[in-house]
PDB file of N, CA and C in Angstrom:
ATOM      1  N   MET A   1     -39.826 -20.250   9.927  1.00  0.00           N
ATOM      2  CA  MET A   1     -38.152 -20.794   9.499  1.00  0.00           C
ATOM      3  C   MET A   1     -37.097 -20.430   9.010  1.00  0.00           C
ATOM      4  N   ALA A   2     -37.555 -19.749   7.716  1.00  0.00           N
ATOM      5  CA  ALA A   2     -36.453 -19.275   6.993  1.00  0.00           C
ATOM      6  C   ALA A   2     -36.229 -17.943   7.165  1.00  0.00           C
ATOM      7  N   ASP A   3     -37.348 -17.320   7.948  1.00  0.00           N
ATOM      8  CA  ASP A   3     -36.779 -15.756   8.156  1.00  0.00           C
ATOM      9  C   ASP A   3     -36.187 -16.078   9.630  1.00  0.00           C
ATOM     10  N   LYS A   4     -36.131 -16.608  10.047  1.00  0.00           N
ATOM     11  CA  LYS A   4     -35.297 -16.119  11.062  1.00  0.00           C
ATOM     12  C   LYS A   4     -33.477 -16.782  10.755  1.00  0.00           C
ATOM     13  N   GLN A   5     -33.414 -17.794   9.774  1.00  0.00           N
ATOM     14  CA  GLN A   5     -31.695 -17.904   9.621  1.00  0.00           C
ATOM     15  C   GLN A   5     -31.442 -16.923   8.734  1.00  0.00           C
ATOM     16  N   GLN A   6     -32.617 -16.124   7.810  1.00  0.00           N
ATOM     17  CA  GLN A   6     -32.401 -15.504   7.319  1.00  0.00           C
ATOM     18  C   GLN A   6     -31.589 -13.890   8.217  1.00  0.00           C
ATOM     19  N   VAL A   7     -32.332 -14.077   8.911  1.00  0.00           N
ATOM     20  CA  VAL A   7     -32.088 -12.763  10.322  1.00  0.00           C
ATOM     21  C   VAL A   7     -30.899 -12.807  10.683  1.00  0.00           C
ATOM     22  N   SER A   8     -30.919 -14.013  11.553  1.00  0.00           N
ATOM     23  CA  SER A   8     -29.511 -14.754  12.126  1.00  0.00           C
ATOM     24  C   SER A   8     -28.063 -14.617  11.821  1.00  0.00           C
ATOM     25  N   LYS A   9     -28.136 -14.662  10.173  1.00  0.00           N
ATOM     26  CA  LYS A   9     -27.161 -15.019   9.447  1.00  0.00           C
ATOM     27  C   LYS A   9     -26.315 -13.703   9.179  1.00  0.00           C
ATOM     28  N   PRO A  10     -27.020 -12.372   9.122  1.00  0.00           N
ATOM     29  CA  PRO A  10     -26.427 -10.879   9.090  1.00  0.00           C
ATOM     30  C   PRO A  10     -25.885 -10.563  10.174  1.00  0.00           C
ATOM     31  N   ARG A  11     -26.772 -10.935  11.607  1.00  0.00           N
ATOM     32  CA  ARG A  11     -26.120 -10.941  12.580  1.00  0.00           C
ATOM     33  C   ARG A  11     -24.844 -11.689  13.357  1.00  0.00           C
ATOM     34  N   ALA A  12     -25.101 -12.770  13.070  1.00  0.00           N
ATOM     35  CA  ALA A  12     -23.606 -13.199  13.213  1.00  0.00           C
ATOM     36  C   ALA A  12     -22.593 -12.907  12.581  1.00  0.00           C
ATOM     37  N   TRP A  13     -22.955 -12.598  11.928  1.00  0.00           N
ATOM     38  CA  TRP A  13     -21.553 -11.677  10.273  1.00  0.00           C
ATOM     39  C   TRP A  13     -21.414 -10.905  11.022  1.00  0.00           C
ATOM     40  N   TRP A  14     -22.157  -9.648  11.521  1.00  0.00           N
ATOM     41  CA  TRP A  14     -22.094  -8.356  12.409  1.00  0.00           C
ATOM     42  C   TRP A  14     -21.175  -8.712  13.382  1.00  0.00           C
ATOM     43  N   GLU A  15     -21.986 -10.147  13.901  1.00  0.00           N
ATOM     44  CA  GLU A  15     -21.072 -10.060  15.441  1.00  0.00           C
ATOM     45  C   GLU A  15     -19.634 -10.708  15.526  1.00  0.00           C
ATOM     46  N   GLY A  16     -19.435 -11.182  14.389  1.00  0.00           N
ATOM     47  CA  GLY A  16     -18.231 -11.732  14.410  1.00  0.00           C
ATOM     48  C   GLY A  16     -16.954 -10.354  13.265  1.00  0.00           C
ATOM     49  N   VAL A  17     -17.701  -9.489  12.470  1.00  0.00           N
ATOM     50  CA  VAL A  17     -16.870  -8.364  12.364  1.00  0.00           C
ATOM     51  C   VAL A  17     -16.672  -7.505  13.797  1.00  0.00           C
ATOM     52  N   LYS A  18     -17.590  -7.709  14.503  1.00  0.00           N
ATOM     53  CA  LYS A  18     -16.922  -6.645  15.762  1.00  0.00           C
ATOM     54  C   LYS A  18     -16.163  -7.658  16.738  1.00  0.00           C
ATOM     55  N   ALA A  19     -16.139  -8.400  16.625  1.00  0.00           N
ATOM     56  CA  ALA A  19     -15.019  -9.335  17.242  1.00  0.00           C
ATOM     57  C   ALA A  19     -13.660  -9.421  16.888  1.00  0.00           C
ATOM     58  N   GLU A  20     -13.226  -9.756  15.580  1.00  0.00           N
ATOM     59  CA  GLU A  20     -12.493  -9.051  14.626  1.00  0.00           C
ATOM     60  C   GLU A  20     -11.768  -7.961  15.103  1.00  0.00           C
ATOM     61  N   TRP A  21     -12.858  -6.995  14.821  1.00  0.00           N
ATOM     62  CA  TRP A  21     -12.311  -5.313  14.922  1.00  0.00           C
ATOM     63  C   TRP A  21     -11.732  -5.077  16.048  1.00  0.00           C
ATOM     64  N   ARG A  22     -11.999  -5.825  17.395  1.00  0.00           N
ATOM     65  CA  ARG A  22     -11.322  -5.841  18.719  1.00  0.00           C
ATOM     66  C   ARG A  22      -9.791  -6.448  18.880  1.00  0.00           C
ATOM     67  N   LYS A  23      -9.336  -7.151  17.951  1.00  0.00           N
ATOM     68  CA  LYS A  23      -8.386  -7.752  18.001  1.00  0.00           C
ATOM     69  C   LYS A  23      -7.543  -6.429  17.364  1.00  0.00           C
ATOM     70  N   ILE A  24      -7.845  -5.924  16.560  1.00  0.00           N
ATOM     71  CA  ILE A  24      -6.518  -5.294  15.739  1.00  0.00           C
ATOM     72  C   ILE A  24      -5.934  -4.013  16.805  1.00  0.00           C
ATOM     73  N   ILE A  25      -4.454  -4.430  16.583  1.00  0.00           N
ATOM     74  CA  ILE A  25      -3.962  -3.491  17.444  1.00  0.00           C
ATOM     75  C   ILE A  25      -3.137  -1.895  16.614  1.00  0.00           C
ATOM     76  N   TRP A  26      -3.599  -1.052  16.747  1.00  0.00           N
ATOM     77  CA  TRP A  26      -3.466   0.167  16.057  1.00  0.00           C
ATOM     78  C   TRP A  26      -2.559   0.410  16.727  1.00  0.00           C
ATOM     79  N   PRO A  27      -1.383   1.410  15.420  1.00  0.00           N
ATOM     80  CA  PRO A  27      -0.339   1.794  15.990  1.00  0.00           C
ATOM     81  C   PRO A  27      -0.206   3.115  16.679  1.00  0.00           C
ATOM     82  N   THR A  28       0.800   3.766  17.511  1.00  0.00           N
ATOM     83  CA  THR A  28       0.663   5.249  18.426  1.00  0.00           C
ATOM     84  C   THR A  28       0.776   5.685  17.226  1.00  0.00           C
ATOM     85  N   ARG A  29       0.789   7.092  17.825  1.00  0.00           N
ATOM     86  CA  ARG A  29       0.967   7.913  16.764  1.00  0.00           C
ATOM     87  C   ARG A  29       2.620   8.202  16.436  1.00  0.00           C
ATOM     88  N   GLN A  30       3.509   8.091  17.302  1.00  0.00           N
ATOM     89  CA  GLN A  30       4.952   7.836  17.089  1.00  0.00           C
ATOM     90  C   GLN A  30       5.495   6.785  15.649  1.00  0.00           C
ATOM     91  N   ASP A  31       4.567   5.601  16.122  1.00  0.00           N
ATOM     92  CA  ASP A  31       4.829   4.751  15.195  1.00  0.00           C
ATOM     93  C   ASP A  31       4.557   5.242  14.125  1.00  0.00           C
ATOM     94  N   LEU A  32       3.346   5.595  14.173  1.00  0.00           N
ATOM     95  CA  LEU A  32       2.645   5.976  12.706  1.00  0.00           C
ATOM     96  C   LEU A  32       3.411   6.845  11.788  1.00  0.00           C
ATOM     97  N   ALA A  33       4.118   7.918  12.686  1.00  0.00           N
ATOM     98  CA  ALA A  33       4.656   9.251  12.263  1.00  0.00           C
ATOM     99  C   ALA A  33       5.695   8.826  11.570  1.00  0.00           C
ATOM    100  N   LYS A  34       6.795   7.509  12.611  1.00  0.00           N
ATOM    101  CA  LYS A  34       8.150   7.327  12.021  1.00  0.00           C
ATOM    102  C   LYS A  34       8.084   6.098  10.291  1.00  0.00           C
ATOM    103  N   LYS A  35       6.832   5.368  10.791  1.00  0.00           N
ATOM    104  CA  LYS A  35       6.616   4.714   9.166  1.00  0.00           C
ATOM    105  C   LYS A  35       6.335   5.479   8.344  1.00  0.00           C
ATOM    106  N   THR A  36       5.263   6.786   8.454  1.00  0.00           N
ATOM    107  CA  THR A  36       5.494   7.321   7.227  1.00  0.00           C
ATOM    108  C   THR A  36       6.172   8.344   6.434  1.00  0.00           C
ATOM    109  N   GLY A  37       7.226   8.932   7.310  1.00  0.00           N
ATOM    110  CA  GLY A  37       8.679   9.073   7.488  1.00  0.00           C
ATOM    111  C   GLY A  37       9.202   8.561   6.522  1.00  0.00           C
ATOM    112  N   ILE A  38       9.410   7.024   6.676  1.00  0.00           N
ATOM    113  CA  ILE A  38      10.353   6.281   5.987  1.00  0.00           C
ATOM    114  C   ILE A  38       9.871   6.034   4.707  1.00  0.00           C
ATOM    115  N   VAL A  39       8.146   5.663   4.452  1.00  0.00           N
ATOM    116  CA  VAL A  39       7.871   5.538   3.188  1.00  0.00           C
ATOM    117  C   VAL A  39       7.704   6.800   2.409  1.00  0.00           C
ATOM    118  N   THR A  40       7.722   7.464   2.904  1.00  0.00           N
ATOM    119  CA  THR A  40       7.803   9.092   2.345  1.00  0.00           C
ATOM    120  C   THR A  40       9.781   8.788   1.971  1.00  0.00           C
ATOM    121  N   ILE A  41      10.069   8.931   2.774  1.00  0.00           N
ATOM    122  CA  ILE A  41      12.082   8.923   2.199  1.00  0.00           C
ATOM    123  C   ILE A  41      12.433   7.682   1.002  1.00  0.00           C
ATOM    124  N   VAL A  42      12.018   7.029   1.414  1.00  0.00           N
ATOM    125  CA  VAL A  42      12.233   5.258   0.177  1.00  0.00           C
ATOM    126  C   VAL A  42      11.282   6.023  -1.185  1.00  0.00           C
ATOM    127  N   SER A  43      10.283   6.650  -0.993  1.00  0.00           N
ATOM    128  CA  SER A  43       9.531   6.624  -1.946  1.00  0.00           C
ATOM    129  C   SER A  43      10.330   7.571  -2.996  1.00  0.00           C
ATOM    130  N   VAL A  44      11.014   8.686  -2.294  1.00  0.00           N
ATOM    131  CA  VAL A  44      11.429   9.595  -2.831  1.00  0.00           C
ATOM    132  C   VAL A  44      12.748   9.071  -3.695  1.00  0.00           C
ATOM    133  N   VAL A  45      13.318   8.481  -3.131  1.00  0.00           N
ATOM    134  CA  VAL A  45      14.962   7.585  -3.522  1.00  0.00           C
ATOM    135  C   VAL A  45      14.787   6.653  -4.363  1.00  0.00           C
ATOM    136  N   LEU A  46      13.695   6.109  -4.466  1.00  0.00           N
ATOM    137  CA  LEU A  46      13.477   5.064  -5.142  1.00  0.00           C
ATOM    138  C   LEU A  46      12.866   6.002  -6.618  1.00  0.00           C
ATOM    139  N   GLY A  47      12.217   6.725  -6.769  1.00  0.00           N
ATOM    140  CA  GLY A  47      11.736   7.798  -7.898  1.00  0.00           C
ATOM    141  C   GLY A  47      13.294   8.835  -8.268  1.00  0.00           C
ATOM    142  N   VAL A  48      14.364   9.094  -7.925  1.00  0.00           N
ATOM    143  CA  VAL A  48      15.391   9.600  -8.048  1.00  0.00           C
ATOM    144  C   VAL A  48      16.227   8.475  -8.623  1.00  0.00           C
ATOM    145  N   ILE A  49      15.857   7.033  -8.070  1.00  0.00           N
ATOM    146  CA  ILE A  49      16.584   6.198  -9.165  1.00  0.00           C
ATOM    147  C   ILE A  49      16.162   6.185 -10.185  1.00  0.00           C
ATOM    148  N   ILE A  50      14.816   5.792 -10.253  1.00  0.00           N
ATOM    149  CA  ILE A  50      14.398   5.719 -11.544  1.00  0.00           C
ATOM    150  C   ILE A  50      14.413   6.372 -12.331  1.00  0.00           C
ATOM    151  N   ALA A  51      14.697   7.540 -12.102  1.00  0.00           N
ATOM    152  CA  ALA A  51      14.697   9.044 -12.678  1.00  0.00           C
ATOM    153  C   ALA A  51      16.041   9.140 -13.409  1.00  0.00           C
ATOM    154  N   ILE A  52      17.068   8.493 -12.802  1.00  0.00           N
ATOM    155  CA  ILE A  52      18.408   8.373 -13.544  1.00  0.00           C
ATOM    156  C   ILE A  52      19.090   7.591 -14.543  1.00  0.00           C
ATOM    157  N   LEU A  53      18.097   6.245 -13.687  1.00  0.00           N
ATOM    158  CA  LEU A  53      17.827   4.793 -14.747  1.00  0.00           C
ATOM    159  C   LEU A  53      17.465   5.750 -16.333  1.00  0.00           C
ATOM    160  N   ASP A  54      16.203   6.207 -16.045  1.00  0.00           N
ATOM    161  CA  ASP A  54      15.350   6.715 -17.291  1.00  0.00           C
ATOM    162  C   ASP A  54      16.312   7.359 -18.321  1.00  0.00           C
ATOM    163  N   PHE A  55      16.883   8.623 -17.061  1.00  0.00           N
ATOM    164  CA  PHE A  55      17.941   9.445 -18.503  1.00  0.00           C
ATOM    165  C   PHE A  55      18.901   9.002 -19.008  1.00  0.00           C
ATOM    166  N   LEU A  56      19.536   7.922 -18.298  1.00  0.00           N
ATOM    167  CA  LEU A  56      20.747   7.152 -18.529  1.00  0.00           C
ATOM    168  C   LEU A  56      20.218   6.330 -20.008  1.00  0.00           C
ATOM    169  N   ILE A  57      19.201   5.420 -20.027  1.00  0.00           N
ATOM    170  CA  ILE A  57      18.580   4.415 -20.727  1.00  0.00           C
ATOM    171  C   ILE A  57      18.646   5.220 -22.010  1.00  0.00           C
ATOM    172  N   GLN A  58      17.745   6.301 -21.864  1.00  0.00           N
ATOM    173  CA  GLN A  58      17.180   7.457 -23.106  1.00  0.00           C
ATOM    174  C   GLN A  58      18.280   7.713 -23.594  1.00  0.00           C
ATOM    175  N   ASN A  59      19.293   8.252 -22.660  1.00  0.00           N
ATOM    176  CA  ASN A  59      20.882   8.772 -23.305  1.00  0.00           C
ATOM    177  C   ASN A  59      21.306   8.128 -24.242  1.00  0.00           C
ATOM    178  N   GLY A  60      21.371   6.559 -23.788  1.00  0.00           N
ATOM    179  CA  GLY A  60      22.017   5.619 -24.569  1.00  0.00           C
ATOM    180  C   GLY A  60      20.921   5.311 -25.667  1.00  0.00           C
ATOM    181  N   ILE A  61      20.432   5.217 -25.962  1.00  0.00           N
ATOM    182  CA  ILE A  61      19.461   4.522 -26.800  1.00  0.00           C
ATOM    183  C   ILE A  61      19.619   6.046 -28.300  1.00  0.00           C
ATOM    184  N   ASP A  62      19.819   7.546 -27.536  1.00  0.00           N
ATOM    185  CA  ASP A  62      19.614   8.141 -28.224  1.00  0.00           C
ATOM    186  C   ASP A  62      20.985   8.546 -29.238  1.00  0.00           C
ATOM    187  N   ARG A  63      22.180   7.813 -28.701  1.00  0.00           N
ATOM    188  CA  ARG A  63      23.475   7.703 -28.766  1.00  0.00           C
ATOM    189  C   ARG A  63      23.471   6.520 -29.506  1.00  0.00           C
ATOM    190  N   LEU A  64      22.621   5.007 -29.685  1.00  0.00           N
ATOM    191  CA  LEU A  64      23.051   3.957 -30.546  1.00  0.00           C
ATOM    192  C   LEU A  64      22.378   4.849 -31.629  1.00  0.00           C
ATOM    193  N   LEU A  65      21.461   5.191 -31.761  1.00  0.00           N
ATOM    194  CA  LEU A  65      20.168   5.834 -32.981  1.00  0.00           C
ATOM    195  C   LEU A  65      21.062   6.812 -33.756  1.00  0.00           C
ATOM    196  N   GLY A  66      22.046   7.496 -32.990  1.00  0.00           N
ATOM    197  CA  GLY A  66      22.758   8.100 -33.696  1.00  0.00           C
ATOM    198  C   GLY A  66      23.949   7.943 -34.547  1.00  0.00           C
ATOM    199  N   LEU A  67      24.038   7.211 -34.407  1.00  0.00           N
ATOM    200  CA  LEU A  67      25.239   6.364 -35.142  1.00  0.00           C
ATOM    201  C   LEU A  67      24.573   5.675 -36.416  1.00  0.00           C
ATOM    202  N   PHE A  68      23.388   5.232 -36.753  1.00  0.00           N
ATOM    203  CA  PHE A  68      23.357   4.764 -37.818  1.00  0.00           C
ATOM    204  C   PHE A  68      22.381   6.065 -38.555  1.00  0.00           C
TER     205      PHE A  68
END
């Protein structure tokens, strides 16, 4: 009896995985390309902002330390 339960649990799990997999709504190529472009642009802009802030903060700290 224990063997049947062990065999049916993985099978039931796999059936559940297949059922959930069918519910996935995949994006179209156009949506995927648009969202990839947006993520790339936002990443570059944030990188530039962080680089500018880093430069300004480092410059400010150097000037403060130069006073002493």
